[in-house]
Protein backbone atom coordinates (compact mmCIF):
# COMPACT_ATOMS: atom_id res chain seq x y z
CA MET A 1 2.00 -25.08 -6.66
CA ASP A 2 0.84 -22.09 -8.84
CA ILE A 3 2.49 -18.74 -8.35
CA ILE A 4 0.14 -16.07 -6.63
CA PRO A 5 1.27 -13.38 -7.93
CA ARG A 6 2.21 -10.70 -6.29
CA VAL A 7 3.27 -6.90 -7.42
CA GLY A 8 5.43 -4.89 -5.47
CA ILE A 9 5.19 -1.44 -6.95
CA THR A 10 8.51 1.29 -5.22
CA GLY A 11 9.76 4.77 -6.56
CA LEU A 12 10.32 8.43 -5.38
CA PRO A 13 7.68 10.11 -2.79
CA GLY A 14 5.29 11.96 -5.51
CA VAL A 15 5.65 10.10 -8.50
CA GLY A 16 2.51 8.31 -8.64
CA LYS A 17 2.98 5.23 -6.58
CA THR A 18 -1.18 5.45 -5.10
CA TYR A 19 -1.98 6.31 -8.53
CA VAL A 20 -0.85 3.23 -10.45
CA ILE A 21 -2.55 1.18 -7.23
CA ILE A 22 -5.91 3.08 -8.18
CA LYS A 23 -5.76 2.78 -11.60
CA VAL A 24 -5.33 -0.95 -11.26
CA MET A 25 -8.10 -1.70 -9.10
CA GLU A 26 -10.17 0.97 -10.85
CA ARG A 27 -9.52 -1.44 -14.00
CA LEU A 28 -10.00 -4.51 -12.78
CA ARG A 29 -13.04 -3.38 -10.72
CA ASN A 30 -16.01 -5.52 -12.38
CA GLU A 31 -13.15 -8.38 -12.60
CA TYR A 32 -11.61 -8.85 -9.06
CA ILE A 33 -12.63 -7.35 -5.27
CA PHE A 34 -9.89 -5.12 -3.45
CA GLY A 35 -9.22 -4.65 -0.41
CA GLY A 36 -6.81 -2.83 2.28
CA MET A 37 -5.55 0.15 2.51
CA VAL A 38 -4.60 2.59 0.60
CA THR A 39 -3.04 6.20 0.92
CA ARG A 40 -4.03 9.19 0.00
CA SER A 41 -2.35 13.25 -0.10
CA ILE A 42 -3.74 16.17 1.80
CA ILE A 43 -3.25 18.76 -0.46
CA GLU A 44 -3.83 22.23 1.27
CA ASN A 45 -3.35 25.32 -1.14
CA GLY A 46 -1.53 23.14 -3.63
CA GLU A 47 0.95 21.87 -0.98
CA ARG A 48 1.20 17.90 0.33
CA THR A 49 0.64 18.82 4.10
CA GLY A 50 -0.35 15.32 4.88
CA PHE A 51 -1.75 11.65 4.32
CA LYS A 52 -5.30 10.16 5.26
CA ILE A 53 -5.79 6.50 5.43
CA ILE A 54 -8.76 4.80 3.32
CA ASP A 55 -9.84 1.11 4.34
CA TRP A 56 -10.65 0.62 0.29
CA PHE A 57 -13.63 -1.58 1.64
CA THR A 58 -15.35 -0.22 3.75
CA GLU A 59 -13.82 3.44 2.56
CA GLU A 60 -13.71 4.35 5.90
CA GLU A 61 -10.88 7.69 5.94
CA ARG A 62 -9.00 9.01 9.01
CA VAL A 63 -5.79 11.28 9.24
CA PHE A 64 -2.58 9.38 8.97
CA ALA A 65 0.03 12.22 9.62
CA HIS A 66 -0.19 15.66 9.06
CA ILE A 67 2.15 19.05 9.44
CA ASN A 68 -0.29 20.16 11.73
CA MET A 69 -1.37 16.84 14.06
CA ASP A 70 -0.23 17.04 17.70
CA SER A 71 1.76 13.96 17.72
CA SER A 72 5.24 12.20 19.45
CA TYR A 73 5.72 9.89 16.05
CA ARG A 74 7.35 11.73 13.23
CA VAL A 75 8.56 11.17 9.98
CA GLY A 76 10.64 14.00 8.58
CA ARG A 77 8.00 16.96 8.58
CA TYR A 78 5.09 14.82 9.33
CA ARG A 79 3.55 14.47 12.59
CA ILE A 80 2.53 10.50 13.02
CA ASN A 81 -1.32 8.96 14.05
CA LEU A 82 -0.64 5.77 14.55
CA LYS A 83 -4.28 5.32 15.84
CA ALA A 84 -5.12 5.91 12.73
CA LEU A 85 -3.17 3.24 11.06
CA GLU A 86 -4.08 0.67 14.06
CA GLU A 87 -7.58 1.19 13.64
CA ILE A 88 -8.23 1.76 9.75
CA GLY A 89 -5.43 0.41 7.96
CA ILE A 90 -4.39 -2.71 9.98
CA PRO A 91 -7.90 -3.94 9.99
CA ALA A 92 -7.87 -3.21 6.54
CA ILE A 93 -5.54 -5.45 6.03
CA LYS A 94 -6.66 -8.19 8.10
CA ARG A 95 -10.03 -8.18 6.22
CA ALA A 96 -8.35 -8.01 3.52
CA VAL A 97 -6.32 -11.29 4.06
CA ASP A 98 -8.75 -12.67 5.84
CA ASP A 99 -12.63 -12.16 3.82
CA GLU A 100 -13.13 -14.79 1.38
CA ILE A 101 -14.73 -12.12 -1.16
CA ILE A 102 -11.77 -10.16 -1.33
CA ASP A 103 -9.86 -11.50 -3.69
CA ILE A 104 -6.89 -9.25 -4.01
CA VAL A 105 -5.13 -7.61 -0.98
CA VAL A 106 -3.73 -4.22 -1.48
CA ILE A 107 -0.95 -2.50 1.39
CA ASP A 108 0.23 1.11 -0.06
CA GLU A 109 2.09 1.99 1.72
CA ILE A 110 4.89 -0.23 3.56
CA GLY A 111 6.70 3.44 4.06
CA LYS A 112 8.82 4.61 6.59
CA MET A 113 5.68 6.51 8.52
CA GLU A 114 3.94 3.27 8.86
CA LEU A 115 6.64 0.88 9.82
CA GLU A 116 6.37 3.17 12.95
CA SER A 117 3.97 0.49 13.99
CA ARG A 118 5.11 -2.50 15.39
CA LYS A 119 1.67 -4.17 15.33
CA PHE A 120 1.44 -3.10 11.70
CA ARG A 121 4.67 -5.26 11.11
CA GLU A 122 3.32 -7.65 12.43
CA VAL A 123 0.39 -7.89 9.67
CA VAL A 124 2.26 -7.04 6.91
CA ARG A 125 4.57 -10.20 7.39
CA ASP A 126 1.47 -11.98 8.16
CA ALA A 127 -0.33 -10.88 5.09
CA LEU A 128 2.97 -12.33 3.08
CA ASP A 129 2.16 -15.56 3.67
CA CYS A 130 -1.49 -15.64 3.34
CA GLU A 131 -2.70 -17.53 -0.25
CA LYS A 132 -4.25 -14.26 -1.87
CA PRO A 133 -2.08 -12.38 -5.15
CA MET A 134 -1.11 -8.68 -2.66
CA LEU A 135 -0.30 -5.39 -4.51
CA ILE A 136 1.84 -3.22 -2.62
CA THR A 137 4.01 0.34 -2.61
CA LEU A 138 7.09 0.04 -1.09
CA HIS A 139 9.54 3.05 0.30
CA LYS A 140 12.35 3.32 -2.18
CA LYS A 141 15.25 3.88 0.06
CA SER A 142 14.70 2.66 2.88
CA ARG A 143 16.99 0.02 4.47
CA ASP A 144 14.61 -1.24 6.52
CA ALA A 145 14.52 -4.72 7.43
CA LEU A 146 10.79 -5.53 6.56
CA LEU A 147 11.27 -4.06 3.35
CA GLN A 148 14.43 -5.25 2.49
CA ASP A 149 12.57 -9.36 3.08
CA ILE A 150 9.90 -8.19 1.14
CA ARG A 151 12.56 -6.66 -1.84
CA ASN A 152 14.44 -10.24 -1.49
CA MET A 153 11.14 -12.30 -1.61
CA ASN A 154 11.39 -14.70 -5.00
CA ASN A 155 7.54 -14.62 -4.97
CA VAL A 156 6.98 -10.85 -4.97
CA ARG A 157 7.76 -8.89 -8.80
CA ILE A 158 9.31 -5.42 -8.08
CA LEU A 159 8.42 -2.43 -10.37
CA GLU A 160 9.77 0.72 -10.07
CA ILE A 161 7.69 3.83 -10.50
CA THR A 162 8.95 6.72 -12.74
CA PRO A 163 7.79 9.75 -14.62
CA ILE A 164 7.92 8.05 -17.82
CA ASN A 165 6.61 4.87 -17.14
CA ARG A 166 3.73 5.53 -14.80
CA ASN A 167 0.74 5.71 -17.04
CA LEU A 168 1.99 2.72 -18.76
CA LEU A 169 2.33 0.76 -15.81
CA PRO A 170 -1.03 0.25 -14.66
CA TYR A 171 -1.32 -1.96 -17.96
CA LYS A 172 1.71 -4.11 -16.86
CA ILE A 173 0.69 -4.67 -13.39
CA GLU A 174 -2.97 -5.62 -14.93
CA LYS A 175 -1.76 -8.05 -16.99
CA ILE A 176 0.68 -9.91 -14.37
CA LEU A 177 -2.49 -10.40 -12.10
CA LYS A 178 -4.77 -11.89 -14.72
CA GLU A 179 -1.85 -14.53 -15.87
CA GLY A 180 -1.58 -15.21 -12.40
CA LEU A 181 -5.47 -15.26 -11.63
């Protein structure tokens, strides 16, 4: 049985995990169809004030976390809208896993905010069992059981992004994916 390429990218907040994922998807967009969830920063007056979730395939998006959001869920200074995750992110991941037109599943990010959702945890575990290549980003420092399980999986290659390797990493990931596909 062939090994299905699965790449996990980890690194400190703000180092460019999403940048690397998007760069890989842009470079390979003429060869493969990507689906899943991407989390992008919301920048206001030069400061990160929140995050939005984007369904990469449909381009639907919604604010997921913000410093000025009304929500009882909170991680750090951000208040979290789990409904946005459950209405945009989770269906995006499910579609990426189930839809035959999609070649590569993307989950950006499996982090503290997203892990507040039990449904998100379940869909991530299900996705990890699928027969498709995956690109995922992982919170670096969290000791959450799901993240620990992913880090310990033999079929997930974890790469750490730093300011030094940020521009080279997309090429390395592209090579890993192409060799496995």
